[in-house]
C-alpha atoms as a PDB file:
ATOM      1  CA  MET A   1     -68.744  -6.285   8.741  1.00  0.00           C
ATOM      2  CA  ARG A   2     -67.953  -9.959   7.787  1.00  0.00           C
ATOM      3  CA  ARG A   3     -65.065  -8.893   5.830  1.00  0.00           C
ATOM      4  CA  THR A   4     -63.515  -6.816   8.534  1.00  0.00           C
ATOM      5  CA  LEU A   5     -63.312  -9.691  10.860  1.00  0.00           C
ATOM      6  CA  LEU A   6     -61.706 -11.955   8.468  1.00  0.00           C
ATOM      7  CA  LEU A   7     -59.208  -9.512   7.687  1.00  0.00           C
ATOM      8  CA  LEU A   8     -58.809  -8.821  11.431  1.00  0.00           C
ATOM      9  CA  ALA A   9     -58.160 -12.405  12.430  1.00  0.00           C
ATOM     10  CA  LEU A  10     -55.847 -12.479   9.402  1.00  0.00           C
ATOM     11  CA  PHE A  11     -53.565  -9.456  10.703  1.00  0.00           C
ATOM     12  CA  LEU A  12     -53.491 -10.747  14.350  1.00  0.00           C
ATOM     13  CA  LEU A  13     -52.558 -14.337  12.769  1.00  0.00           C
ATOM     14  CA  LEU A  14     -49.893 -13.310  10.826  1.00  0.00           C
ATOM     15  CA  GLY A  15     -48.801 -11.053  13.519  1.00  0.00           C
ATOM     16  CA  ALA A  16     -48.568 -14.140  16.030  1.00  0.00           C
ATOM     17  CA  GLY A  17     -46.569 -15.796  13.429  1.00  0.00           C
ATOM     18  CA  VAL A  18     -44.012 -13.002  13.116  1.00  0.00           C
ATOM     19  CA  PHE A  19     -43.555 -12.715  16.774  1.00  0.00           C
ATOM     20  CA  TRP A  20     -42.936 -16.557  17.113  1.00  0.00           C
ATOM     21  CA  TYR A  21     -40.297 -16.387  14.215  1.00  0.00           C
ATOM     22  CA  LEU A  22     -38.650 -13.605  16.094  1.00  0.00           C
ATOM     23  CA  ASN A  23     -38.317 -14.968  19.436  1.00  0.00           C
ATOM     24  CA  ASN A  24     -38.364 -18.844  18.364  1.00  0.00           C
ATOM     25  CA  GLY A  25     -35.176 -20.379  20.900  1.00  0.00           C
ATOM     26  CA  ASP A  26     -32.727 -22.061  18.080  1.00  0.00           C
ATOM     27  CA  ASP A  27     -34.430 -20.171  15.664  1.00  0.00           C
ATOM     28  CA  GLU A  28     -34.154 -17.481  12.893  1.00  0.00           C
ATOM     29  CA  LYS A  29     -34.396 -14.555  15.152  1.00  0.00           C
ATOM     30  CA  THR A  30     -31.283 -12.663  13.951  1.00  0.00           C
ATOM     31  CA  THR A  31     -31.457 -13.993  10.570  1.00  0.00           C
ATOM     32  CA  LEU A  32     -33.252 -10.922   9.377  1.00  0.00           C
ATOM     33  CA  ALA A  33     -31.519  -7.218  10.179  1.00  0.00           C
ATOM     34  CA  GLY A  34     -30.245  -8.269  13.422  1.00  0.00           C
ATOM     35  CA  ALA A  35     -26.795  -6.722  14.463  1.00  0.00           C
ATOM     36  CA  ASP A  36     -25.028 -10.462  14.386  1.00  0.00           C
ATOM     37  CA  ARG A  37     -25.681  -9.789  10.753  1.00  0.00           C
ATOM     38  CA  ASP A  38     -24.381  -6.334  10.485  1.00  0.00           C
ATOM     39  CA  PHE A  39     -20.811  -6.519   8.981  1.00  0.00           C
ATOM     40  CA  ALA A  40     -20.221  -3.614   6.971  1.00  0.00           C
ATOM     41  CA  VAL A  41     -19.640   0.196   7.254  1.00  0.00           C
ATOM     42  CA  GLU A  42     -21.541   1.665   4.080  1.00  0.00           C
ATOM     43  CA  ASP A  43     -19.867   4.886   5.203  1.00  0.00           C
ATOM     44  CA  ILE A  44     -16.140   4.104   4.618  1.00  0.00           C
ATOM     45  CA  GLY A  45     -15.159   7.875   5.432  1.00  0.00           C
ATOM     46  CA  GLN A  46     -16.322   6.519   9.270  1.00  0.00           C
ATOM     47  CA  VAL A  47     -13.169   4.621   9.531  1.00  0.00           C
ATOM     48  CA  TYR A  48     -10.377   5.776  11.074  1.00  0.00           C
ATOM     49  CA  LYS A  49      -8.462   3.388  12.468  1.00  0.00           C
ATOM     50  CA  ILE A  50      -8.321  -0.567  11.516  1.00  0.00           C
ATOM     51  CA  PHE A  51      -7.041  -3.479  13.857  1.00  0.00           C
ATOM     52  CA  ILE A  52      -6.155  -7.078  12.803  1.00  0.00           C
ATOM     53  CA  ALA A  53      -5.176  -9.725  14.851  1.00  0.00           C
ATOM     54  CA  ASP A  54      -4.252 -13.230  13.982  1.00  0.00           C
ATOM     55  CA  ARG A  55      -3.649 -16.707  16.124  1.00  0.00           C
ATOM     56  CA  GLU A  56      -0.070 -16.691  15.315  1.00  0.00           C
ATOM     57  CA  GLY A  57       0.549 -12.942  17.095  1.00  0.00           C
ATOM     58  CA  GLY A  58       0.766 -10.902  14.052  1.00  0.00           C
ATOM     59  CA  ARG A  59      -1.055  -7.240  14.734  1.00  0.00           C
ATOM     60  CA  THR A  60      -1.443  -5.051  12.280  1.00  0.00           C
ATOM     61  CA  THR A  61      -2.826  -1.357  12.997  1.00  0.00           C
ATOM     62  CA  LEU A  62      -3.775   1.016   9.903  1.00  0.00           C
ATOM     63  CA  GLU A  63      -4.754   4.656  10.694  1.00  0.00           C
ATOM     64  CA  ARG A  64      -6.279   7.022   8.361  1.00  0.00           C
ATOM     65  CA  LYS A  65      -3.980  10.166   8.206  1.00  0.00           C
ATOM     66  CA  ASP A  66      -4.106  13.361   5.889  1.00  0.00           C
ATOM     67  CA  GLY A  67      -3.887  11.694   2.308  1.00  0.00           C
ATOM     68  CA  TYR A  68      -2.918   8.377   3.303  1.00  0.00           C
ATOM     69  CA  TRP A  69      -3.144   4.996   5.959  1.00  0.00           C
ATOM     70  CA  LEU A  70      -0.244   4.936   8.357  1.00  0.00           C
ATOM     71  CA  TYR A  71       0.947   1.280   9.172  1.00  0.00           C
ATOM     72  CA  ASN A  72       1.735   0.095  12.488  1.00  0.00           C
ATOM     73  CA  GLY A  73       2.412   3.835  13.751  1.00  0.00           C
ATOM     74  CA  ASP A  74       5.911   4.217  11.241  1.00  0.00           C
ATOM     75  CA  TYR A  75       5.359   3.312   7.507  1.00  0.00           C
ATOM     76  CA  LYS A  76       2.763   4.471   5.081  1.00  0.00           C
ATOM     77  CA  ALA A  77       0.503   1.665   4.173  1.00  0.00           C
ATOM     78  CA  ARG A  78       0.472   0.639   0.232  1.00  0.00           C
ATOM     79  CA  SER A  79      -2.447   2.104  -1.682  1.00  0.00           C
ATOM     80  CA  THR A  80      -3.178  -1.008  -3.848  1.00  0.00           C
ATOM     81  CA  VAL A  81      -3.662  -3.420  -1.021  1.00  0.00           C
ATOM     82  CA  MET A  82      -5.773  -0.421   1.378  1.00  0.00           C
ATOM     83  CA  GLU A  83      -8.144   0.333  -1.408  1.00  0.00           C
ATOM     84  CA  PRO A  84      -9.156  -3.592  -2.029  1.00  0.00           C
ATOM     85  CA  LEU A  85      -9.224  -3.783   1.929  1.00  0.00           C
ATOM     86  CA  LEU A  86     -11.586  -0.362   2.432  1.00  0.00           C
ATOM     87  CA  GLN A  87     -13.743  -2.036  -0.032  1.00  0.00           C
ATOM     88  CA  ALA A  88     -14.241  -5.094   1.793  1.00  0.00           C
ATOM     89  CA  ILE A  89     -15.148  -3.259   4.897  1.00  0.00           C
ATOM     90  CA  GLN A  90     -17.308  -1.400   3.051  1.00  0.00           C
ATOM     91  CA  ASN A  91     -19.404  -4.011   0.555  1.00  0.00           C
ATOM     92  CA  MET A  92     -18.752  -7.407   2.489  1.00  0.00           C
ATOM     93  CA  ARG A  93     -22.233  -8.895   3.032  1.00  0.00           C
ATOM     94  CA  ILE A  94     -23.793 -12.125   4.331  1.00  0.00           C
ATOM     95  CA  LYS A  95     -24.203 -14.772   1.318  1.00  0.00           C
ATOM     96  CA  TYR A  96     -26.081 -17.329   3.362  1.00  0.00           C
ATOM     97  CA  LYS A  97     -26.505 -18.615   6.885  1.00  0.00           C
ATOM     98  CA  PRO A  98     -25.482 -22.011   7.050  1.00  0.00           C
ATOM     99  CA  PRO A  99     -27.071 -25.164   8.087  1.00  0.00           C
ATOM    100  CA  GLN A 100     -26.872 -25.827  11.974  1.00  0.00           C
ATOM    101  CA  ALA A 101     -24.831 -29.066  11.260  1.00  0.00           C
ATOM    102  CA  SER A 102     -22.317 -27.192  10.469  1.00  0.00           C
ATOM    103  CA  VAL A 103     -21.958 -23.858  12.833  1.00  0.00           C
ATOM    104  CA  LYS A 104     -19.886 -25.787  15.383  1.00  0.00           C
ATOM    105  CA  ASN A 105     -16.996 -26.541  13.023  1.00  0.00           C
ATOM    106  CA  MET A 106     -17.571 -23.559  11.483  1.00  0.00           C
ATOM    107  CA  VAL A 107     -16.937 -21.636  14.777  1.00  0.00           C
ATOM    108  CA  GLU A 108     -13.919 -23.621  15.793  1.00  0.00           C
ATOM    109  CA  ALA A 109     -12.177 -22.992  13.015  1.00  0.00           C
ATOM    110  CA  LEU A 110     -12.548 -19.287  13.776  1.00  0.00           C
ATOM    111  CA  ALA A 111     -11.509 -19.771  16.981  1.00  0.00           C
ATOM    112  CA  THR A 112      -8.422 -21.284  15.789  1.00  0.00           C
ATOM    113  CA  GLN A 113      -7.477 -19.847  12.620  1.00  0.00           C
ATOM    114  CA  GLY A 114      -9.484 -16.725  12.316  1.00  0.00           C
ATOM    115  CA  LEU A 115      -8.274 -12.992  11.887  1.00  0.00           C
ATOM    116  CA  LYS A 116      -9.812 -10.472  14.519  1.00  0.00           C
ATOM    117  CA  VAL A 117     -10.820  -7.276  12.830  1.00  0.00           C
ATOM    118  CA  GLU A 118     -12.051  -4.111  14.995  1.00  0.00           C
ATOM    119  CA  LEU A 119     -12.998  -0.734  12.879  1.00  0.00           C
ATOM    120  CA  TYR A 120     -12.896   2.673  14.917  1.00  0.00           C
ATOM    121  CA  GLY A 121     -13.968   6.202  14.090  1.00  0.00           C
ATOM    122  CA  LYS A 122     -12.629   9.301  14.169  1.00  0.00           C
ATOM    123  CA  ASN A 123     -13.050   9.558  17.861  1.00  0.00           C
ATOM    124  CA  GLY A 124     -11.643   6.377  18.855  1.00  0.00           C
ATOM    125  CA  GLN A 125     -15.513   4.552  19.449  1.00  0.00           C
ATOM    126  CA  LYS A 126     -15.348   0.790  17.868  1.00  0.00           C
ATOM    127  CA  LEU A 127     -17.581   0.735  15.212  1.00  0.00           C
ATOM    128  CA  LYS A 128     -17.284  -3.397  14.377  1.00  0.00           C
ATOM    129  CA  SER A 129     -15.960  -5.746  15.576  1.00  0.00           C
ATOM    130  CA  TYR A 130     -15.626  -9.691  13.873  1.00  0.00           C
ATOM    131  CA  TYR A 131     -13.567 -12.570  13.198  1.00  0.00           C
ATOM    132  CA  LEU A 132     -13.175 -13.733   9.547  1.00  0.00           C
ATOM    133  CA  GLY A 133     -12.057 -17.590   9.026  1.00  0.00           C
ATOM    134  CA  GLY A 134     -11.455 -19.850   6.454  1.00  0.00           C
ATOM    135  CA  ALA A 135     -12.787 -20.295   3.066  1.00  0.00           C
ATOM    136  CA  THR A 136     -16.049 -22.302   1.808  1.00  0.00           C
ATOM    137  CA  ALA A 137     -15.226 -25.302  -0.454  1.00  0.00           C
ATOM    138  CA  ASP A 138     -15.754 -23.246  -3.770  1.00  0.00           C
ATOM    139  CA  GLU A 139     -13.195 -20.518  -2.572  1.00  0.00           C
ATOM    140  CA  ARG A 140     -16.076 -17.901  -3.099  1.00  0.00           C
ATOM    141  CA  GLY A 141     -17.040 -17.339   0.518  1.00  0.00           C
ATOM    142  CA  ALA A 142     -15.448 -16.991   4.003  1.00  0.00           C
ATOM    143  CA  PHE A 143     -16.731 -17.835   7.661  1.00  0.00           C
ATOM    144  CA  ALA A 144     -17.395 -14.894   9.509  1.00  0.00           C
ATOM    145  CA  ILE A 145     -19.024 -14.290  12.776  1.00  0.00           C
ATOM    146  CA  ILE A 146     -19.732 -10.756  14.990  1.00  0.00           C
ATOM    147  CA  ASP A 147     -17.654 -10.657  18.197  1.00  0.00           C
ATOM    148  CA  GLY A 148     -19.794 -11.721  20.949  1.00  0.00           C
ATOM    149  CA  ALA A 149     -22.635 -13.545  18.586  1.00  0.00           C
ATOM    150  CA  GLU A 150     -23.164 -17.142  18.694  1.00  0.00           C
ATOM    151  CA  GLN A 151     -24.170 -17.637  14.585  1.00  0.00           C
ATOM    152  CA  PRO A 152     -21.254 -17.784  12.281  1.00  0.00           C
ATOM    153  CA  TYR A 153     -22.499 -16.746   8.594  1.00  0.00           C
ATOM    154  CA  VAL A 154     -20.846 -17.086   5.180  1.00  0.00           C
ATOM    155  CA  VAL A 155     -19.652 -13.688   3.570  1.00  0.00           C
ATOM    156  CA  GLU A 156     -18.815 -12.168   0.337  1.00  0.00           C
ATOM    157  CA  LEU A 157     -18.129  -9.357  -2.213  1.00  0.00           C
ATOM    158  CA  PRO A 158     -20.563  -8.658  -4.546  1.00  0.00           C
ATOM    159  CA  ALA A 159     -18.965  -9.102  -8.341  1.00  0.00           C
ATOM    160  CA  TRP A 160     -15.816 -10.553  -6.537  1.00  0.00           C
ATOM    161  CA  GLU A 161     -15.121 -14.447  -7.076  1.00  0.00           C
ATOM    162  CA  GLY A 162     -12.873 -15.051  -4.086  1.00  0.00           C
ATOM    163  CA  ASN A 163     -12.418 -15.238  -0.509  1.00  0.00           C
ATOM    164  CA  VAL A 164     -12.799 -11.970   1.129  1.00  0.00           C
ATOM    165  CA  THR A 165     -10.199 -12.686   4.177  1.00  0.00           C
ATOM    166  CA  VAL A 166      -7.216 -12.718   1.743  1.00  0.00           C
ATOM    167  CA  ARG A 167      -7.551  -8.756   1.675  1.00  0.00           C
ATOM    168  CA  PHE A 168      -7.505  -8.493   5.521  1.00  0.00           C
ATOM    169  CA  ALA A 169      -4.544 -11.180   5.453  1.00  0.00           C
ATOM    170  CA  HIS A 170      -1.609  -9.201   4.624  1.00  0.00           C
ATOM    171  CA  LYS A 171       1.416  -9.656   6.878  1.00  0.00           C
ATOM    172  CA  GLY A 172       4.409  -7.533   7.778  1.00  0.00           C
ATOM    173  CA  ASP A 173       6.052  -5.450   4.858  1.00  0.00           C
ATOM    174  CA  ASP A 174       3.280  -6.339   2.623  1.00  0.00           C
ATOM    175  CA  TRP A 175       1.323  -3.880   3.819  1.00  0.00           C
ATOM    176  CA  ARG A 176       3.802  -1.189   3.069  1.00  0.00           C
ATOM    177  CA  ASP A 177       4.191   1.296   0.492  1.00  0.00           C
ATOM    178  CA  LYS A 178       7.055   0.184  -1.718  1.00  0.00           C
ATOM    179  CA  ARG A 179       7.571   3.593  -3.126  1.00  0.00           C
ATOM    180  CA  ILE A 180      11.270   4.650  -3.099  1.00  0.00           C
ATOM    181  CA  PHE A 181      10.079   8.288  -3.398  1.00  0.00           C
ATOM    182  CA  ALA A 182       7.075   9.940  -3.573  1.00  0.00           C
ATOM    183  CA  GLU A 183       7.342  13.468  -3.366  1.00  0.00           C
ATOM    184  CA  GLU A 184       5.369  16.404  -5.255  1.00  0.00           C
ATOM    185  CA  PRO A 185       7.699  18.134  -7.779  1.00  0.00           C
ATOM    186  CA  GLU A 186       6.567  21.382  -6.488  1.00  0.00           C
ATOM    187  CA  ASN A 187       7.632  20.127  -2.652  1.00  0.00           C
ATOM    188  CA  ILE A 188      11.217  19.233  -3.627  1.00  0.00           C
ATOM    189  CA  GLN A 189      13.821  21.653  -2.398  1.00  0.00           C
ATOM    190  CA  SER A 190      16.767  19.480  -3.500  1.00  0.00           C
ATOM    191  CA  VAL A 191      17.845  16.459  -5.065  1.00  0.00           C
ATOM    192  CA  SER A 192      21.374  15.053  -5.394  1.00  0.00           C
ATOM    193  CA  ILE A 193      22.924  12.372  -7.132  1.00  0.00           C
ATOM    194  CA  GLU A 194      26.345  11.111  -6.490  1.00  0.00           C
ATOM    195  CA  TYR A 195      27.876   8.765  -8.655  1.00  0.00           C
ATOM    196  CA  PRO A 196      30.910   7.323  -6.510  1.00  0.00           C
ATOM    197  CA  ARG A 197      32.749   5.794  -9.669  1.00  0.00           C
ATOM    198  CA  GLN A 198      32.081   8.469 -11.723  1.00  0.00           C
ATOM    199  CA  ARG A 199      32.480  11.655 -10.045  1.00  0.00           C
ATOM    200  CA  ASP A 200      32.197  14.061 -12.687  1.00  0.00           C
ATOM    201  CA  LEU A 201      28.494  13.002 -13.476  1.00  0.00           C
ATOM    202  CA  SER A 202      27.226  13.662 -10.007  1.00  0.00           C
ATOM    203  CA  PHE A 203      25.130  16.807  -9.473  1.00  0.00           C
ATOM    204  CA  ARG A 204      23.208  18.850  -7.070  1.00  0.00           C
ATOM    205  CA  LEU A 205      19.776  20.462  -8.071  1.00  0.00           C
ATOM    206  CA  GLU A 206      18.843  22.766  -5.698  1.00  0.00           C
ATOM    207  CA  ALA A 207      15.533  25.506  -5.583  1.00  0.00           C
ATOM    208  CA  THR A 208      16.315  29.186  -5.522  1.00  0.00           C
ATOM    209  CA  ALA A 209      14.553  32.232  -5.374  1.00  0.00           C
ATOM    210  CA  ASP A 210      14.395  31.949  -9.249  1.00  0.00           C
ATOM    211  CA  GLY A 211      13.755  28.443  -9.618  1.00  0.00           C
ATOM    212  CA  TYR A 212      16.394  25.662  -9.536  1.00  0.00           C
ATOM    213  CA  GLU A 213      20.045  25.460  -9.898  1.00  0.00           C
ATOM    214  CA  ALA A 214      22.217  22.497 -11.174  1.00  0.00           C
ATOM    215  CA  LYS A 215      25.514  22.435 -10.038  1.00  0.00           C
ATOM    216  CA  PRO A 216      28.417  19.965  -9.682  1.00  0.00           C
ATOM    217  CA  PHE A 217      27.920  17.369  -6.700  1.00  0.00           C
ATOM    218  CA  PHE A 218      32.160  17.647  -6.369  1.00  0.00           C
ATOM    219  CA  GLU A 219      34.225  20.631  -6.453  1.00  0.00           C
ATOM    220  CA  THR A 220      36.613  19.244  -8.582  1.00  0.00           C
ATOM    221  CA  THR A 221      34.020  19.134 -11.443  1.00  0.00           C
ATOM    222  CA  PRO A 222      34.233  21.923 -13.541  1.00  0.00           C
ATOM    223  CA  LEU A 223      30.618  24.220 -14.103  1.00  0.00           C
ATOM    224  CA  ILE A 224      28.768  24.119 -17.078  1.00  0.00           C
ATOM    225  CA  SER A 225      27.623  27.403 -18.425  1.00  0.00           C
ATOM    226  CA  ARG A 226      25.844  26.514 -21.381  1.00  0.00           C
ATOM    227  CA  PRO A 227      21.927  27.211 -20.860  1.00  0.00           C
ATOM    228  CA  TYR A 228      19.539  24.971 -19.504  1.00  0.00           C
ATOM    229  CA  ARG A 229      17.848  22.530 -21.947  1.00  0.00           C
ATOM    230  CA  GLU A 230      14.247  23.642 -21.796  1.00  0.00           C
ATOM    231  CA  GLY A 231      11.943  21.572 -19.594  1.00  0.00           C
ATOM    232  CA  SER A 232      14.618  19.630 -18.318  1.00  0.00           C
ATOM    233  CA  VAL A 233      14.416  20.442 -14.873  1.00  0.00           C
ATOM    234  CA  GLU A 234      10.417  19.854 -14.540  1.00  0.00           C
ATOM    235  CA  THR A 235      10.854  16.381 -16.497  1.00  0.00           C
ATOM    236  CA  PHE A 236      13.660  15.080 -13.828  1.00  0.00           C
ATOM    237  CA  LEU A 237      11.943  16.549 -10.900  1.00  0.00           C
ATOM    238  CA  ALA A 238       8.746  14.545 -12.158  1.00  0.00           C
ATOM    239  CA  LYS A 239      10.444  11.288 -11.904  1.00  0.00           C
ATOM    240  CA  PHE A 240      10.204  11.729  -8.027  1.00  0.00           C
ATOM    241  CA  GLU A 241       6.846  11.805  -7.775  1.00  0.00           C
ATOM    242  CA  SER A 242       6.225   8.030  -7.660  1.00  0.00           C
ATOM    243  CA  LEU A 243       9.430   5.493  -8.086  1.00  0.00           C
ATOM    244  CA  SER A 244       8.931   2.434  -6.614  1.00  0.00           C
ATOM    245  CA  ALA A 245      10.331  -0.700  -5.893  1.00  0.00           C
ATOM    246  CA  GLU A 246       8.955  -4.352  -6.472  1.00  0.00           C
ATOM    247  CA  GLU A 247       9.530  -5.450  -2.955  1.00  0.00           C
ATOM    248  CA  PHE A 248      11.197  -5.645   0.192  1.00  0.00           C
ATOM    249  CA  ILE A 249      13.724  -7.639   0.960  1.00  0.00           C
ATOM    250  CA  ASN A 250      14.552  -6.883   4.325  1.00  0.00           C
ATOM    251  CA  ASN A 251      15.644 -10.498   5.257  1.00  0.00           C
ATOM    252  CA  HIS A 252      17.943 -11.149   2.341  1.00  0.00           C
ATOM    253  CA  PRO A 253      20.644 -13.614   3.244  1.00  0.00           C
ATOM    254  CA  ASP A 254      23.008 -11.513   2.014  1.00  0.00           C
ATOM    255  CA  ARG A 255      22.167  -7.960   3.466  1.00  0.00           C
ATOM    256  CA  ASP A 256      25.241  -7.218   4.944  1.00  0.00           C
ATOM    257  CA  SER A 257      27.466  -8.391   2.020  1.00  0.00           C
ATOM    258  CA  ILE A 258      25.513  -6.047  -0.068  1.00  0.00           C
ATOM    259  CA  LEU A 259      25.732  -3.091   2.024  1.00  0.00           C
ATOM    260  CA  GLN A 260      29.553  -3.337   2.038  1.00  0.00           C
ATOM    261  CA  LEU A 261      29.463  -2.748  -1.595  1.00  0.00           C
ATOM    262  CA  VAL A 262      30.070   0.845  -3.169  1.00  0.00           C
ATOM    263  CA  PRO A 263      26.631   1.770  -4.784  1.00  0.00           C
ATOM    264  CA  PHE A 264      26.328   2.519  -8.438  1.00  0.00           C
ATOM    265  CA  SER A 265      24.277   5.517  -7.572  1.00  0.00           C
ATOM    266  CA  ILE A 266      23.118   7.305  -4.107  1.00  0.00           C
ATOM    267  CA  ILE A 267      20.225   9.903  -4.436  1.00  0.00           C
ATOM    268  CA  THR A 268      19.137  11.891  -1.631  1.00  0.00           C
ATOM    269  CA  LEU A 269      16.105  13.807  -1.874  1.00  0.00           C
ATOM    270  CA  VAL A 270      15.017  16.738   0.665  1.00  0.00           C
ATOM    271  CA  ASN A 271      11.751  18.057   0.310  1.00  0.00           C
ATOM    272  CA  LYS A 272      10.737  21.951   1.483  1.00  0.00           C
ATOM    273  CA  GLN A 273       9.866  20.730   5.034  1.00  0.00           C
ATOM    274  CA  GLY A 274      13.400  19.352   5.604  1.00  0.00           C
ATOM    275  CA  ASP A 275      12.734  15.892   5.375  1.00  0.00           C
ATOM    276  CA  THR A 276      15.340  13.567   3.805  1.00  0.00           C
ATOM    277  CA  THR A 277      15.008  10.841   1.872  1.00  0.00           C
ATOM    278  CA  GLN A 278      18.242   8.643   0.730  1.00  0.00           C
ATOM    279  CA  ALA A 279      18.407   5.880  -1.725  1.00  0.00           C
ATOM    280  CA  ARG A 280      21.579   3.838  -2.604  1.00  0.00           C
ATOM    281  CA  PHE A 281      21.356   1.671  -5.597  1.00  0.00           C
ATOM    282  CA  TYR A 282      23.574  -1.580  -5.980  1.00  0.00           C
ATOM    283  CA  PRO A 283      23.223  -3.352  -9.505  1.00  0.00           C
ATOM    284  CA  ILE A 284      22.626  -6.954  -9.464  1.00  0.00           C
ATOM    285  CA  ILE A 285      25.348  -7.538 -12.339  1.00  0.00           C
ATOM    286  CA  PRO A 286      29.276  -5.950 -12.240  1.00  0.00           C
ATOM    287  CA  GLU A 287      29.981  -2.329 -12.658  1.00  0.00           C
ATOM    288  CA  LYS A 288      31.603  -2.978 -16.105  1.00  0.00           C
ATOM    289  CA  TYR A 289      28.368  -2.633 -17.627  1.00  0.00           C
ATOM    290  CA  ILE A 290      27.639   0.678 -16.400  1.00  0.00           C
ATOM    291  CA  SER A 291      28.269   3.586 -19.073  1.00  0.00           C
ATOM    292  CA  GLN A 292      27.590   6.801 -20.083  1.00  0.00           C
ATOM    293  CA  ASP A 293      25.381   7.712 -22.847  1.00  0.00           C
ATOM    294  CA  ILE A 294      27.065  10.446 -24.562  1.00  0.00           C
ATOM    295  CA  LYS A 295      24.187  10.961 -27.240  1.00  0.00           C
ATOM    296  CA  THR A 296      21.714  11.887 -25.447  1.00  0.00           C
ATOM    297  CA  GLY A 297      23.469  14.829 -23.320  1.00  0.00           C
ATOM    298  CA  GLY A 298      24.554  12.925 -20.418  1.00  0.00           C
ATOM    299  CA  ILE A 299      22.067  10.835 -19.355  1.00  0.00           C
ATOM    300  CA  ILE A 300      23.496   7.386 -18.002  1.00  0.00           C
ATOM    301  CA  GLU A 301      23.053   4.807 -20.220  1.00  0.00           C
ATOM    302  CA  VAL A 302      22.697   1.304 -18.411  1.00  0.00           C
ATOM    303  CA  SER A 303      23.476  -2.344 -20.164  1.00  0.00           C
ATOM    304  CA  SER A 304      20.145  -4.056 -20.947  1.00  0.00           C
ATOM    305  CA  ASP A 305      21.838  -6.842 -18.787  1.00  0.00           C
ATOM    306  CA  ILE A 306      21.085  -4.867 -15.589  1.00  0.00           C
ATOM    307  CA  GLU A 307      17.709  -5.942 -14.667  1.00  0.00           C
ATOM    308  CA  ARG A 308      17.470  -4.972 -11.249  1.00  0.00           C
ATOM    309  CA  TYR A 309      18.894  -3.109  -8.355  1.00  0.00           C
ATOM    310  CA  TYR A 310      19.425  -3.795  -4.469  1.00  0.00           C
ATOM    311  CA  VAL A 311      18.107  -0.723  -3.041  1.00  0.00           C
ATOM    312  CA  SER A 312      18.611   0.371   0.349  1.00  0.00           C
ATOM    313  CA  LEU A 313      16.191   3.084   1.881  1.00  0.00           C
ATOM    314  CA  ASP A 314      17.253   5.665   4.269  1.00  0.00           C
ATOM    315  CA  ASP A 315      19.731   2.921   6.092  1.00  0.00           C
ATOM    316  CA  ARG A 316      16.607   1.089   7.265  1.00  0.00           C
ATOM    317  CA  ASP A 317      14.950  -0.919   4.655  1.00  0.00           C
ATOM    318  CA  LEU A 318      16.677  -3.187   1.490  1.00  0.00           C
ATOM    319  CA  LEU A 319      14.415  -3.475  -1.367  1.00  0.00           C
ATOM    320  CA  LEU A 320      14.267  -4.615  -4.775  1.00  0.00           C
ATOM    321  CA  ALA A 321      13.600  -2.844  -7.662  1.00  0.00           C
ATOM    322  CA  GLN A 322      13.475  -3.103 -11.537  1.00  0.00           C
ATOM    323  CA  HIS A 323      16.068  -1.203 -13.786  1.00  0.00           C
ATOM    324  CA  LEU A 324      13.142  -0.529 -16.160  1.00  0.00           C
ATOM    325  CA  VAL A 325      11.525   1.509 -13.677  1.00  0.00           C
ATOM    326  CA  LEU A 326      14.709   3.284 -11.858  1.00  0.00           C
ATOM    327  CA  ARG A 327      16.569   3.803 -15.441  1.00  0.00           C
ATOM    328  CA  GLU A 328      14.965   7.254 -16.201  1.00  0.00           C
ATOM    329  CA  ALA A 329      15.986   8.837 -12.673  1.00  0.00           C
ATOM    330  CA  PHE A 330      19.534   8.242 -13.276  1.00  0.00           C
ATOM    331  CA  TRP A 331      20.226  11.553 -14.765  1.00  0.00           C
ATOM    332  CA  SER A 332      24.131  13.320 -14.857  1.00  0.00           C
ATOM    333  CA  TYR A 333      25.070  16.541 -14.732  1.00  0.00           C
ATOM    334  CA  GLY A 334      25.299  17.432 -18.129  1.00  0.00           C
ATOM    335  CA  SER A 335      21.614  16.400 -18.924  1.00  0.00           C
ATOM    336  CA  PHE A 336      20.194  19.879 -17.762  1.00  0.00           C
ATOM    337  CA  PHE A 337      22.368  21.520 -20.377  1.00  0.00           C
ATOM    338  CA  GLN A 338      21.939  22.398 -24.243  1.00  0.00           C
ATOM    339  CA  ASP A 339      24.430  19.940 -26.486  1.00  0.00           C
ATOM    340  CA  ARG A 340      27.551  21.902 -27.727  1.00  0.00           C
ATOM    341  CA  LYS A 341      26.970  21.479 -31.166  1.00  0.00           C
ATOM    342  CA  LEU A 342      23.389  22.886 -31.263  1.00  0.00           C
ATOM    343  CA  LEU A 343      24.750  26.040 -29.793  1.00  0.00           C
ATOM    344  CA  ASN A 344      27.463  26.310 -32.687  1.00  0.00           C
END
């Protein structure tokens, strides 16, 4: 009986202690599992919209679509930016609660320099809303506070050394997919390549009931009647599944002058839904370095002196792209056909 009374007294004492701990004014009542600690969305599939605002007036809206994310309602977002962002949203956790003496400065920093992050579900319901701010002195944690809460925290990503805020802090074109072409080969209706200064090399490859047919781009170019090289069409179309640029340079000071030049090449792709993508390529060295490599069956060979191209995409964007990435897409009309010597 005495032992039972002792256990009961101990239980009541512990219960009273927990009650005080959770309800004591300026205290730790939210340091257990309170709403002001809940930053992560463990099921990232629930997130269909991400809104990010900075204190300089920048606004970013990312929306989940069928197989990709859309940036500000107009552009595909870069997968290499979205994947780290989604990992951060899913795995962000509290590293520690700062000492009370630091709270005022942290809140002020979040208010003046922080990013506002809002996460929404499929039906538009708000899932999370919080602010992310500057880094700790060792750059391994970031200030964060749930919208409407009073207690800030230092948050981190497990197994990642760095400030989680950088994954949310991209601006403008940095969010955008830098691929010039991104089309599945089986969804390509036609591809044409025009070489304004080498017209006889220009061609159009178009889907037919029997496969694909390559023909001259200009009527003045003679037809080639030799057999197709085995696998040439499939090899060519595969180049357009993911052909990427280095970066957007829409604010280039010489943009207007560049677009007045005669391009080395113009590639136009039409998919089977009728959507057209057109890119114009301007080499960043004189045209005299461009020539045809006859040994390869007509594929365009460009001097190693060319390292990059300016790329005008759909008359809307200007990008910078590497020659080593683009060179294999610069085929000529004769590239699809067997060599005459092999037929003799």
